[in-house]
Amino acid sequence: MERSSGKREYIEKLSNEDSMIGALAIDQRGALKKMFAKFQTTEVKNEQIERFKEIVSSELTPYASSILLDPEFGLPAASVRAENAGLLLAYEKTGYDASTPGRLPDSLDVWSVKRLKEAGADACKFLLYYDINESDEINDRKKAYMERIGAECVAEDVPFFLELLSYDANITDVSSKEYAAVKPEKVIKMMEEFSKPRYNVDVLKVEVPVNMNYVEGYSNDEIVYSKEEAARYFKEQAEATDLPFIFLSAGVSAELFQETLRFAKQAGSTFNGVLCGRATWANGVEPFVLDNEEVVRDWMKKEGRKNIQELNAVIKETATPIRG
């Protein structure tokens, strides 16, 4: 797909000097409130969420190519990011309606791609839950929704970053051995679908195609994939798209995520960077809630910075530059 000069310029703003994406993600809303709730008995206030995002942004964006935030709680954080950091803004509502089958997508009520751009976004990000085995009735609704967002992004000449999260309507635990067995096909086939030109996606934000906790040599318990099988899935994933694609950390530890990127490189994956969230800053939540801002800033300056700089070094070794 030929990308406009405007979109190319925005993607350059979101990338580092090596034309790779080393982005920081803190667009979590419901999930972040749950993290806070583990350490406090009182109701989590919106002001807490906003302030934590501000601290993360101000302390860590000097070391990131860009930051992903939400317009609900993240705009103050966007205003204190480092000058070098590009800005992605999320367009989807947090979570999904569990009472309705299909994990249907929904955009924020008072936002549009035009408004995200006016708020300073260099790209629009949308998260889509997708099960290749769901009914056509459900999946056709999702496909049409992505077509509409893609068309909005074309109209505003801003990049469309589509985050794809796989699931199985009949398997509740995505961390289970049962789900690990079906995950590669689901991840690879949904990437194939949304790489089609009709969606006008510019960059895919995706899971790695296997659960590394079940890969031979990375698992202390049950094994679902041999190293050779896992490597083959990483290679097939890269071959499933002609779009740039970046990996999400999916909440795993910083150490495991870095090892995963090295494994992907060795397997022949041509991923173009990462959009990493909790693996970078999650351990800063506890001191933010239980201590004070000075303590959490100190944690960000030391451990948070260490996490992101170590990840940057791994990206430089393993990722493929974005071309065109």
C-alpha atoms as a PDB file:
ATOM      1  CA  MET A   1       0.000   0.000   0.000  1.00  0.00           C
ATOM      2  CA  GLU A   2       1.345   3.404  -0.979  1.00  0.00           C
ATOM      3  CA  ARG A   3       1.487   5.647   2.073  1.00  0.00           C
ATOM      4  CA  SER A   4       0.906   9.413   1.740  1.00  0.00           C
ATOM      5  CA  SER A   5       3.774  11.803   2.408  1.00  0.00           C
ATOM      6  CA  GLY A   6       1.827  13.150   5.388  1.00  0.00           C
ATOM      7  CA  LYS A   7       1.482   9.731   6.959  1.00  0.00           C
ATOM      8  CA  ARG A   8       5.155   9.000   6.304  1.00  0.00           C
ATOM      9  CA  GLU A   9       6.166  12.180   8.134  1.00  0.00           C
ATOM     10  CA  TYR A  10       4.004  11.279  11.117  1.00  0.00           C
ATOM     11  CA  ILE A  11       5.469   7.768  11.289  1.00  0.00           C
ATOM     12  CA  GLU A  12       8.960   9.284  11.216  1.00  0.00           C
ATOM     13  CA  LYS A  13       7.980  11.439  14.218  1.00  0.00           C
ATOM     14  CA  LEU A  14       6.900   8.282  16.053  1.00  0.00           C
ATOM     15  CA  SER A  15      10.125   6.411  15.226  1.00  0.00           C
ATOM     16  CA  ASN A  16      13.678   6.694  16.507  1.00  0.00           C
ATOM     17  CA  GLU A  17      16.826   7.641  14.601  1.00  0.00           C
ATOM     18  CA  ASP A  18      17.077   4.059  13.322  1.00  0.00           C
ATOM     19  CA  SER A  19      13.548   4.196  11.834  1.00  0.00           C
ATOM     20  CA  MET A  20      12.321   1.742  14.455  1.00  0.00           C
ATOM     21  CA  ILE A  21       9.491   2.298  16.904  1.00  0.00           C
ATOM     22  CA  GLY A  22      10.404   2.182  20.578  1.00  0.00           C
ATOM     23  CA  ALA A  23       7.168   3.501  22.011  1.00  0.00           C
ATOM     24  CA  LEU A  24       5.910   3.681  25.557  1.00  0.00           C
ATOM     25  CA  ALA A  25       2.282   2.662  26.135  1.00  0.00           C
ATOM     26  CA  ILE A  26       0.199   3.974  29.004  1.00  0.00           C
ATOM     27  CA  ASP A  27      -3.266   4.233  27.466  1.00  0.00           C
ATOM     28  CA  GLN A  28      -4.637   1.783  30.035  1.00  0.00           C
ATOM     29  CA  ARG A  29      -7.732   2.987  31.836  1.00  0.00           C
ATOM     30  CA  GLY A  30      -9.782   0.195  33.417  1.00  0.00           C
ATOM     31  CA  ALA A  31      -6.737  -2.047  33.732  1.00  0.00           C
ATOM     32  CA  LEU A  32      -4.741   0.728  35.413  1.00  0.00           C
ATOM     33  CA  LYS A  33      -7.530   1.379  37.915  1.00  0.00           C
ATOM     34  CA  LYS A  34      -7.475  -2.329  38.815  1.00  0.00           C
ATOM     35  CA  MET A  35      -3.710  -2.115  39.359  1.00  0.00           C
ATOM     36  CA  PHE A  36      -4.222   0.823  41.707  1.00  0.00           C
ATOM     37  CA  ALA A  37      -7.035  -0.954  43.549  1.00  0.00           C
ATOM     38  CA  LYS A  38      -4.641  -3.715  44.632  1.00  0.00           C
ATOM     39  CA  PHE A  39      -2.865  -1.222  46.891  1.00  0.00           C
ATOM     40  CA  GLN A  40      -5.721   0.912  48.242  1.00  0.00           C
ATOM     41  CA  THR A  41      -9.090   0.334  49.870  1.00  0.00           C
ATOM     42  CA  THR A  42     -10.607   3.651  48.797  1.00  0.00           C
ATOM     43  CA  GLU A  43     -12.050   4.303  45.364  1.00  0.00           C
ATOM     44  CA  VAL A  44      -9.463   5.018  42.695  1.00  0.00           C
ATOM     45  CA  LYS A  45      -9.851   8.620  41.585  1.00  0.00           C
ATOM     46  CA  ASN A  46      -9.469   9.869  38.039  1.00  0.00           C
ATOM     47  CA  GLU A  47      -6.988  12.454  39.296  1.00  0.00           C
ATOM     48  CA  GLN A  48      -4.699   9.642  40.483  1.00  0.00           C
ATOM     49  CA  ILE A  49      -4.726   8.039  37.052  1.00  0.00           C
ATOM     50  CA  GLU A  50      -4.005  11.346  35.348  1.00  0.00           C
ATOM     51  CA  ARG A  51      -1.149  12.147  37.710  1.00  0.00           C
ATOM     52  CA  PHE A  52       0.509   8.755  37.363  1.00  0.00           C
ATOM     53  CA  LYS A  53       0.407   9.045  33.581  1.00  0.00           C
ATOM     54  CA  GLU A  54       1.966  12.515  33.843  1.00  0.00           C
ATOM     55  CA  ILE A  55       4.831  11.165  35.936  1.00  0.00           C
ATOM     56  CA  VAL A  56       5.465   8.262  33.559  1.00  0.00           C
ATOM     57  CA  SER A  57       5.384  10.588  30.558  1.00  0.00           C
ATOM     58  CA  SER A  58       7.657  13.256  31.991  1.00  0.00           C
ATOM     59  CA  GLU A  59      10.230  10.802  33.343  1.00  0.00           C
ATOM     60  CA  LEU A  60      10.352   8.172  30.576  1.00  0.00           C
ATOM     61  CA  THR A  61       9.562   9.846  27.234  1.00  0.00           C
ATOM     62  CA  PRO A  62      13.109  11.266  26.976  1.00  0.00           C
ATOM     63  CA  TYR A  63      14.096   7.635  26.273  1.00  0.00           C
ATOM     64  CA  ALA A  64      11.155   6.653  24.019  1.00  0.00           C
ATOM     65  CA  SER A  65      10.490   7.380  20.359  1.00  0.00           C
ATOM     66  CA  SER A  66       6.841   8.076  21.173  1.00  0.00           C
ATOM     67  CA  ILE A  67       4.120   7.558  23.762  1.00  0.00           C
ATOM     68  CA  LEU A  68       0.643   6.046  23.492  1.00  0.00           C
ATOM     69  CA  LEU A  69      -1.955   7.750  25.677  1.00  0.00           C
ATOM     70  CA  ASP A  70      -5.736   8.005  25.907  1.00  0.00           C
ATOM     71  CA  PRO A  71      -7.633  11.289  25.505  1.00  0.00           C
ATOM     72  CA  GLU A  72      -9.749  10.555  28.594  1.00  0.00           C
ATOM     73  CA  PHE A  73      -6.978  10.718  31.215  1.00  0.00           C
ATOM     74  CA  GLY A  74      -3.794  11.163  29.197  1.00  0.00           C
ATOM     75  CA  LEU A  75      -3.845  14.652  27.711  1.00  0.00           C
ATOM     76  CA  PRO A  76      -2.058  16.249  30.707  1.00  0.00           C
ATOM     77  CA  ALA A  77       0.628  13.567  30.279  1.00  0.00           C
ATOM     78  CA  ALA A  78       0.863  14.361  26.568  1.00  0.00           C
ATOM     79  CA  SER A  79       1.615  17.991  27.381  1.00  0.00           C
ATOM     80  CA  VAL A  80       4.631  17.094  29.553  1.00  0.00           C
ATOM     81  CA  ARG A  81       6.230  14.547  27.242  1.00  0.00           C
ATOM     82  CA  ALA A  82       9.738  15.124  25.935  1.00  0.00           C
ATOM     83  CA  GLU A  83      10.066  17.147  22.728  1.00  0.00           C
ATOM     84  CA  ASN A  84      11.567  14.168  20.916  1.00  0.00           C
ATOM     85  CA  ALA A  85       8.578  11.916  21.600  1.00  0.00           C
ATOM     86  CA  GLY A  86       5.742  11.505  19.124  1.00  0.00           C
ATOM     87  CA  LEU A  87       2.160  11.038  20.310  1.00  0.00           C
ATOM     88  CA  LEU A  88      -0.338   8.272  19.597  1.00  0.00           C
ATOM     89  CA  LEU A  89      -3.849   8.644  20.988  1.00  0.00           C
ATOM     90  CA  ALA A  90      -6.248   5.759  21.571  1.00  0.00           C
ATOM     91  CA  TYR A  91      -9.675   5.972  19.936  1.00  0.00           C
ATOM     92  CA  GLU A  92     -11.412   2.980  21.532  1.00  0.00           C
ATOM     93  CA  LYS A  93     -13.401   2.813  24.736  1.00  0.00           C
ATOM     94  CA  THR A  94     -11.619   0.828  27.425  1.00  0.00           C
ATOM     95  CA  GLY A  95     -12.647  -2.834  27.770  1.00  0.00           C
ATOM     96  CA  TYR A  96     -15.735  -4.324  26.142  1.00  0.00           C
ATOM     97  CA  ASP A  97     -19.322  -5.172  27.022  1.00  0.00           C
ATOM     98  CA  ALA A  98     -19.102  -8.695  28.428  1.00  0.00           C
ATOM     99  CA  SER A  99     -22.909  -9.057  28.369  1.00  0.00           C
ATOM    100  CA  THR A 100     -22.920  -8.924  24.559  1.00  0.00           C
ATOM    101  CA  PRO A 101     -21.284 -11.749  22.546  1.00  0.00           C
ATOM    102  CA  GLY A 102     -18.302 -10.935  20.380  1.00  0.00           C
ATOM    103  CA  ARG A 103     -16.314  -8.284  22.256  1.00  0.00           C
ATOM    104  CA  LEU A 104     -17.599  -5.684  19.820  1.00  0.00           C
ATOM    105  CA  PRO A 105     -15.507  -2.532  19.246  1.00  0.00           C
ATOM    106  CA  ASP A 106     -16.696   0.908  20.309  1.00  0.00           C
ATOM    107  CA  SER A 107     -15.041   4.296  19.862  1.00  0.00           C
ATOM    108  CA  LEU A 108     -14.979   7.094  22.424  1.00  0.00           C
ATOM    109  CA  ASP A 109     -18.225   9.058  22.305  1.00  0.00           C
ATOM    110  CA  VAL A 110     -16.911  12.603  22.023  1.00  0.00           C
ATOM    111  CA  TRP A 111     -13.857  11.870  19.896  1.00  0.00           C
ATOM    112  CA  SER A 112     -13.109  11.429  16.206  1.00  0.00           C
ATOM    113  CA  VAL A 113      -9.870  11.078  14.287  1.00  0.00           C
ATOM    114  CA  LYS A 114     -10.182  14.774  13.445  1.00  0.00           C
ATOM    115  CA  ARG A 115     -10.412  15.628  17.138  1.00  0.00           C
ATOM    116  CA  LEU A 116      -7.498  13.334  18.044  1.00  0.00           C
ATOM    117  CA  LYS A 117      -5.409  15.132  15.440  1.00  0.00           C
ATOM    118  CA  GLU A 118      -6.502  18.506  16.810  1.00  0.00           C
ATOM    119  CA  ALA A 119      -5.415  17.315  20.278  1.00  0.00           C
ATOM    120  CA  GLY A 120      -1.903  16.782  18.914  1.00  0.00           C
ATOM    121  CA  ALA A 121      -1.960  13.116  17.871  1.00  0.00           C
ATOM    122  CA  ASP A 122       0.598  11.954  15.335  1.00  0.00           C
ATOM    123  CA  ALA A 123      -1.416   8.752  14.899  1.00  0.00           C
ATOM    124  CA  CYS A 124      -4.717   7.148  15.834  1.00  0.00           C
ATOM    125  CA  LYS A 125      -4.584   3.812  17.661  1.00  0.00           C
ATOM    126  CA  PHE A 126      -7.548   1.470  17.903  1.00  0.00           C
ATOM    127  CA  LEU A 127      -7.689  -1.808  19.819  1.00  0.00           C
ATOM    128  CA  LEU A 128      -9.717  -4.640  18.291  1.00  0.00           C
ATOM    129  CA  TYR A 129     -10.435  -7.993  19.920  1.00  0.00           C
ATOM    130  CA  TYR A 130     -10.684 -10.562  17.140  1.00  0.00           C
ATOM    131  CA  ASP A 131     -11.399 -14.275  17.001  1.00  0.00           C
ATOM    132  CA  ILE A 132     -11.012 -15.722  13.518  1.00  0.00           C
ATOM    133  CA  ASN A 133     -13.471 -18.462  14.497  1.00  0.00           C
ATOM    134  CA  GLU A 134     -16.319 -16.153  15.532  1.00  0.00           C
ATOM    135  CA  SER A 135     -19.428 -16.008  13.350  1.00  0.00           C
ATOM    136  CA  ASP A 136     -19.474 -13.952  10.155  1.00  0.00           C
ATOM    137  CA  GLU A 137     -22.236 -11.870  11.727  1.00  0.00           C
ATOM    138  CA  ILE A 138     -19.830 -10.702  14.454  1.00  0.00           C
ATOM    139  CA  ASN A 139     -16.650 -10.484  12.396  1.00  0.00           C
ATOM    140  CA  ASP A 140     -18.269  -8.622   9.510  1.00  0.00           C
ATOM    141  CA  ARG A 141     -19.347  -5.936  11.988  1.00  0.00           C
ATOM    142  CA  LYS A 142     -15.741  -5.646  13.159  1.00  0.00           C
ATOM    143  CA  LYS A 143     -14.397  -5.487   9.619  1.00  0.00           C
ATOM    144  CA  ALA A 144     -16.820  -2.700   8.686  1.00  0.00           C
ATOM    145  CA  TYR A 145     -15.890  -0.783  11.841  1.00  0.00           C
ATOM    146  CA  MET A 146     -12.191  -0.922  10.948  1.00  0.00           C
ATOM    147  CA  GLU A 147     -12.978   0.207   7.412  1.00  0.00           C
ATOM    148  CA  ARG A 148     -14.675   3.304   8.833  1.00  0.00           C
ATOM    149  CA  ILE A 149     -11.733   4.149  11.104  1.00  0.00           C
ATOM    150  CA  GLY A 150      -9.285   3.583   8.264  1.00  0.00           C
ATOM    151  CA  ALA A 151     -11.299   5.965   6.098  1.00  0.00           C
ATOM    152  CA  GLU A 152     -11.272   8.599   8.860  1.00  0.00           C
ATOM    153  CA  CYS A 153      -7.487   8.323   9.070  1.00  0.00           C
ATOM    154  CA  VAL A 154      -7.153   8.704   5.309  1.00  0.00           C
ATOM    155  CA  ALA A 155      -9.367  11.794   5.408  1.00  0.00           C
ATOM    156  CA  GLU A 156      -7.210  13.373   8.121  1.00  0.00           C
ATOM    157  CA  ASP A 157      -3.952  12.047   6.637  1.00  0.00           C
ATOM    158  CA  VAL A 158      -2.784  10.528   9.929  1.00  0.00           C
ATOM    159  CA  PRO A 159      -1.495   6.973  10.416  1.00  0.00           C
ATOM    160  CA  PHE A 160      -3.839   4.218  11.585  1.00  0.00           C
ATOM    161  CA  PHE A 161      -2.195   1.951  14.177  1.00  0.00           C
ATOM    162  CA  LEU A 162      -4.408  -1.105  14.656  1.00  0.00           C
ATOM    163  CA  GLU A 163      -3.844  -3.121  17.821  1.00  0.00           C
ATOM    164  CA  LEU A 164      -5.071  -6.698  17.423  1.00  0.00           C
ATOM    165  CA  LEU A 165      -5.751  -8.946  20.403  1.00  0.00           C
ATOM    166  CA  SER A 166      -6.729 -12.527  19.711  1.00  0.00           C
ATOM    167  CA  TYR A 167      -9.139 -14.582  21.803  1.00  0.00           C
ATOM    168  CA  ASP A 168     -11.352 -17.645  21.639  1.00  0.00           C
ATOM    169  CA  ALA A 169     -15.030 -17.340  22.452  1.00  0.00           C
ATOM    170  CA  ASN A 170     -14.936 -20.805  24.019  1.00  0.00           C
ATOM    171  CA  ILE A 171     -11.700 -20.534  26.033  1.00  0.00           C
ATOM    172  CA  THR A 172     -11.909 -18.092  28.913  1.00  0.00           C
ATOM    173  CA  ASP A 173      -8.250 -18.227  29.991  1.00  0.00           C
ATOM    174  CA  VAL A 174      -5.910 -16.878  27.297  1.00  0.00           C
ATOM    175  CA  SER A 175      -2.928 -17.808  29.483  1.00  0.00           C
ATOM    176  CA  SER A 176      -3.909 -21.494  29.452  1.00  0.00           C
ATOM    177  CA  LYS A 177      -2.207 -24.366  27.688  1.00  0.00           C
ATOM    178  CA  GLU A 178      -5.428 -24.929  25.765  1.00  0.00           C
ATOM    179  CA  TYR A 179      -5.357 -21.421  24.340  1.00  0.00           C
ATOM    180  CA  ALA A 180      -1.606 -21.558  23.660  1.00  0.00           C
ATOM    181  CA  ALA A 181      -2.260 -24.434  21.272  1.00  0.00           C
ATOM    182  CA  VAL A 182      -4.620 -22.405  19.073  1.00  0.00           C
ATOM    183  CA  LYS A 183      -3.018 -18.972  19.434  1.00  0.00           C
ATOM    184  CA  PRO A 184      -0.558 -19.083  16.496  1.00  0.00           C
ATOM    185  CA  GLU A 185      -3.244 -19.633  13.859  1.00  0.00           C
ATOM    186  CA  LYS A 186      -5.481 -16.962  15.369  1.00  0.00           C
ATOM    187  CA  VAL A 187      -2.745 -14.327  15.516  1.00  0.00           C
ATOM    188  CA  ILE A 188      -1.401 -15.024  12.040  1.00  0.00           C
ATOM    189  CA  LYS A 189      -4.772 -15.166  10.272  1.00  0.00           C
ATOM    190  CA  MET A 190      -6.100 -11.978  11.832  1.00  0.00           C
ATOM    191  CA  MET A 191      -2.908 -10.211  10.730  1.00  0.00           C
ATOM    192  CA  GLU A 192      -3.501 -11.457   7.197  1.00  0.00           C
ATOM    193  CA  GLU A 193      -7.062 -10.112   7.253  1.00  0.00           C
ATOM    194  CA  PHE A 194      -6.303  -6.616   8.506  1.00  0.00           C
ATOM    195  CA  SER A 195      -3.305  -6.192   6.236  1.00  0.00           C
ATOM    196  CA  LYS A 196      -5.718  -5.918   3.298  1.00  0.00           C
ATOM    197  CA  PRO A 197      -5.696  -2.455   1.655  1.00  0.00           C
ATOM    198  CA  ARG A 198      -9.425  -1.942   2.295  1.00  0.00           C
ATOM    199  CA  TYR A 199      -8.720  -1.194   5.981  1.00  0.00           C
ATOM    200  CA  ASN A 200      -6.073   1.480   5.309  1.00  0.00           C
ATOM    201  CA  VAL A 201      -4.007   0.300   8.302  1.00  0.00           C
ATOM    202  CA  ASP A 202      -0.502   1.756   8.410  1.00  0.00           C
ATOM    203  CA  VAL A 203       1.050  -0.140  11.328  1.00  0.00           C
ATOM    204  CA  LEU A 204      -0.125  -3.268  13.127  1.00  0.00           C
ATOM    205  CA  LYS A 205       0.408  -3.565  16.875  1.00  0.00           C
ATOM    206  CA  VAL A 206       0.284  -7.285  17.600  1.00  0.00           C
ATOM    207  CA  GLU A 207       0.963 -10.088  20.014  1.00  0.00           C
ATOM    208  CA  VAL A 208       3.814 -12.468  19.461  1.00  0.00           C
ATOM    209  CA  PRO A 209       2.330 -15.601  17.861  1.00  0.00           C
ATOM    210  CA  VAL A 210       3.046 -17.966  20.766  1.00  0.00           C
ATOM    211  CA  ASN A 211       2.830 -17.937  24.541  1.00  0.00           C
ATOM    212  CA  MET A 212       6.523 -17.959  25.459  1.00  0.00           C
ATOM    213  CA  ASN A 213       5.716 -19.572  28.804  1.00  0.00           C
ATOM    214  CA  TYR A 214       4.984 -22.796  26.898  1.00  0.00           C
ATOM    215  CA  VAL A 215       8.024 -22.753  24.595  1.00  0.00           C
ATOM    216  CA  GLU A 216      10.703 -25.386  25.105  1.00  0.00           C
ATOM    217  CA  GLY A 217      13.566 -23.849  27.055  1.00  0.00           C
ATOM    218  CA  TYR A 218      11.401 -21.001  28.357  1.00  0.00           C
ATOM    219  CA  SER A 219       8.949 -23.148  30.299  1.00  0.00           C
ATOM    220  CA  ASN A 220       9.507 -24.781  33.659  1.00  0.00           C
ATOM    221  CA  ASP A 221       6.278 -26.696  33.356  1.00  0.00           C
ATOM    222  CA  GLU A 222       4.261 -27.866  30.367  1.00  0.00           C
ATOM    223  CA  ILE A 223       5.517 -27.446  26.812  1.00  0.00           C
ATOM    224  CA  VAL A 224       3.201 -26.697  23.902  1.00  0.00           C
ATOM    225  CA  TYR A 225       5.788 -25.749  21.269  1.00  0.00           C
ATOM    226  CA  SER A 226       9.310 -26.919  20.558  1.00  0.00           C
ATOM    227  CA  LYS A 227      11.803 -24.143  19.852  1.00  0.00           C
ATOM    228  CA  GLU A 228      11.635 -25.059  16.164  1.00  0.00           C
ATOM    229  CA  GLU A 229       7.842 -24.846  16.091  1.00  0.00           C
ATOM    230  CA  ALA A 230       7.812 -21.510  17.895  1.00  0.00           C
ATOM    231  CA  ALA A 231      10.445 -20.111  15.529  1.00  0.00           C
ATOM    232  CA  ARG A 232       8.378 -21.224  12.546  1.00  0.00           C
ATOM    233  CA  TYR A 233       5.340 -19.367  13.872  1.00  0.00           C
ATOM    234  CA  PHE A 234       7.359 -16.154  14.265  1.00  0.00           C
ATOM    235  CA  LYS A 235       8.536 -16.493  10.662  1.00  0.00           C
ATOM    236  CA  GLU A 236       5.008 -17.202   9.393  1.00  0.00           C
ATOM    237  CA  GLN A 237       3.707 -14.182  11.274  1.00  0.00           C
ATOM    238  CA  ALA A 238       6.196 -11.879   9.553  1.00  0.00           C
ATOM    239  CA  GLU A 239       5.281 -13.340   6.170  1.00  0.00           C
ATOM    240  CA  ALA A 240       1.557 -12.800   6.827  1.00  0.00           C
ATOM    241  CA  THR A 241       1.741  -9.035   6.307  1.00  0.00           C
ATOM    242  CA  ASP A 242       3.402  -6.451   4.110  1.00  0.00           C
ATOM    243  CA  LEU A 243       2.686  -3.749   6.689  1.00  0.00           C
ATOM    244  CA  PRO A 244       5.073  -2.578   9.390  1.00  0.00           C
ATOM    245  CA  PHE A 245       4.245  -4.363  12.644  1.00  0.00           C
ATOM    246  CA  ILE A 246       5.290  -3.835  16.227  1.00  0.00           C
ATOM    247  CA  PHE A 247       4.996  -6.087  19.254  1.00  0.00           C
ATOM    248  CA  LEU A 248       3.066  -5.321  22.414  1.00  0.00           C
ATOM    249  CA  SER A 249       4.410  -6.536  25.737  1.00  0.00           C
ATOM    250  CA  ALA A 250       1.084  -7.981  26.965  1.00  0.00           C
ATOM    251  CA  GLY A 251       2.007  -7.388  30.581  1.00  0.00           C
ATOM    252  CA  VAL A 252       4.907  -9.871  30.741  1.00  0.00           C
ATOM    253  CA  SER A 253       8.065  -9.049  32.674  1.00  0.00           C
ATOM    254  CA  ALA A 254      10.675  -6.778  31.126  1.00  0.00           C
ATOM    255  CA  GLU A 255      13.146  -9.678  31.090  1.00  0.00           C
ATOM    256  CA  LEU A 256      10.830 -12.104  29.288  1.00  0.00           C
ATOM    257  CA  PHE A 257       9.812  -9.477  26.743  1.00  0.00           C
ATOM    258  CA  GLN A 258      13.449  -8.765  25.893  1.00  0.00           C
ATOM    259  CA  GLU A 259      14.172 -12.482  25.536  1.00  0.00           C
ATOM    260  CA  THR A 260      11.115 -12.812  23.304  1.00  0.00           C
ATOM    261  CA  LEU A 261      12.415 -10.117  20.954  1.00  0.00           C
ATOM    262  CA  ARG A 262      15.775 -11.873  20.692  1.00  0.00           C
ATOM    263  CA  PHE A 263      13.990 -15.146  19.929  1.00  0.00           C
ATOM    264  CA  ALA A 264      11.878 -13.408  17.270  1.00  0.00           C
ATOM    265  CA  LYS A 265      14.976 -11.990  15.575  1.00  0.00           C
ATOM    266  CA  GLN A 266      16.690 -15.382  15.530  1.00  0.00           C
ATOM    267  CA  ALA A 267      13.527 -16.895  14.042  1.00  0.00           C
ATOM    268  CA  GLY A 268      13.601 -14.444  11.141  1.00  0.00           C
ATOM    269  CA  SER A 269      10.850 -12.078  12.249  1.00  0.00           C
ATOM    270  CA  THR A 270      10.994  -8.656  10.596  1.00  0.00           C
ATOM    271  CA  PHE A 271       9.093  -6.739  13.292  1.00  0.00           C
ATOM    272  CA  ASN A 272       9.685  -2.989  13.306  1.00  0.00           C
ATOM    273  CA  GLY A 273       9.748  -2.190  17.002  1.00  0.00           C
ATOM    274  CA  VAL A 274       7.570  -2.309  20.092  1.00  0.00           C
ATOM    275  CA  LEU A 275       4.849  -0.486  21.958  1.00  0.00           C
ATOM    276  CA  CYS A 276       5.652  -1.499  25.503  1.00  0.00           C
ATOM    277  CA  GLY A 277       3.579  -0.630  28.542  1.00  0.00           C
ATOM    278  CA  ARG A 278       3.396  -2.483  31.820  1.00  0.00           C
ATOM    279  CA  ALA A 279       6.734  -4.236  31.333  1.00  0.00           C
ATOM    280  CA  THR A 280       8.311  -0.777  31.678  1.00  0.00           C
ATOM    281  CA  TRP A 281       6.343   1.025  34.408  1.00  0.00           C
ATOM    282  CA  ALA A 282       4.061  -1.454  36.246  1.00  0.00           C
ATOM    283  CA  ASN A 283       6.252  -1.769  39.326  1.00  0.00           C
ATOM    284  CA  GLY A 284       5.957   1.978  39.812  1.00  0.00           C
ATOM    285  CA  VAL A 285       2.264   1.714  40.710  1.00  0.00           C
ATOM    286  CA  GLU A 286       2.851   0.390  44.230  1.00  0.00           C
ATOM    287  CA  PRO A 287       5.172   3.215  45.375  1.00  0.00           C
ATOM    288  CA  PHE A 288       2.856   5.768  43.749  1.00  0.00           C
ATOM    289  CA  VAL A 289      -0.084   4.521  45.824  1.00  0.00           C
ATOM    290  CA  LEU A 290       1.712   3.682  49.075  1.00  0.00           C
ATOM    291  CA  ASP A 291       4.477   6.271  49.224  1.00  0.00           C
ATOM    292  CA  ASN A 292       4.678   9.688  47.578  1.00  0.00           C
ATOM    293  CA  GLU A 293       5.467  11.318  44.279  1.00  0.00           C
ATOM    294  CA  GLU A 294       9.138  11.781  45.109  1.00  0.00           C
ATOM    295  CA  VAL A 295       9.539   8.038  45.686  1.00  0.00           C
ATOM    296  CA  VAL A 296       7.793   7.067  42.460  1.00  0.00           C
ATOM    297  CA  ARG A 297       9.778   9.619  40.443  1.00  0.00           C
ATOM    298  CA  ASP A 298      12.953   8.165  41.917  1.00  0.00           C
ATOM    299  CA  TRP A 299      11.765   4.687  40.874  1.00  0.00           C
ATOM    300  CA  MET A 300      11.055   5.943  37.337  1.00  0.00           C
ATOM    301  CA  LYS A 301      14.451   7.632  37.110  1.00  0.00           C
ATOM    302  CA  LYS A 302      16.216   4.430  38.124  1.00  0.00           C
ATOM    303  CA  GLU A 303      14.218   1.265  37.408  1.00  0.00           C
ATOM    304  CA  GLY A 304      11.822   2.667  34.806  1.00  0.00           C
ATOM    305  CA  ARG A 305      14.648   4.270  32.870  1.00  0.00           C
ATOM    306  CA  LYS A 306      16.701   1.072  33.148  1.00  0.00           C
ATOM    307  CA  ASN A 307      13.791  -0.979  31.778  1.00  0.00           C
ATOM    308  CA  ILE A 308      13.263   1.270  28.776  1.00  0.00           C
ATOM    309  CA  GLN A 309      16.956   1.750  27.961  1.00  0.00           C
ATOM    310  CA  GLU A 310      17.595  -1.995  28.127  1.00  0.00           C
ATOM    311  CA  LEU A 311      14.609  -2.526  25.840  1.00  0.00           C
ATOM    312  CA  ASN A 312      15.905   0.141  23.445  1.00  0.00           C
ATOM    313  CA  ALA A 313      19.209  -1.716  23.201  1.00  0.00           C
ATOM    314  CA  VAL A 314      17.385  -4.953  22.372  1.00  0.00           C
ATOM    315  CA  ILE A 315      15.233  -3.184  19.763  1.00  0.00           C
ATOM    316  CA  LYS A 316      18.357  -1.814  18.095  1.00  0.00           C
ATOM    317  CA  GLU A 317      19.750  -5.367  17.883  1.00  0.00           C
ATOM    318  CA  THR A 318      16.602  -7.111  16.759  1.00  0.00           C
ATOM    319  CA  ALA A 319      14.074  -4.864  14.981  1.00  0.00           C
ATOM    320  CA  THR A 320      13.881  -4.002  11.273  1.00  0.00           C
ATOM    321  CA  PRO A 321      13.757  -0.341  10.136  1.00  0.00           C
ATOM    322  CA  ILE A 322      10.486   0.886   8.639  1.00  0.00           C
ATOM    323  CA  ARG A 323      10.834   1.592   4.942  1.00  0.00           C
ATOM    324  CA  GLY A 324       8.615   3.899   2.895  1.00  0.00           C
END
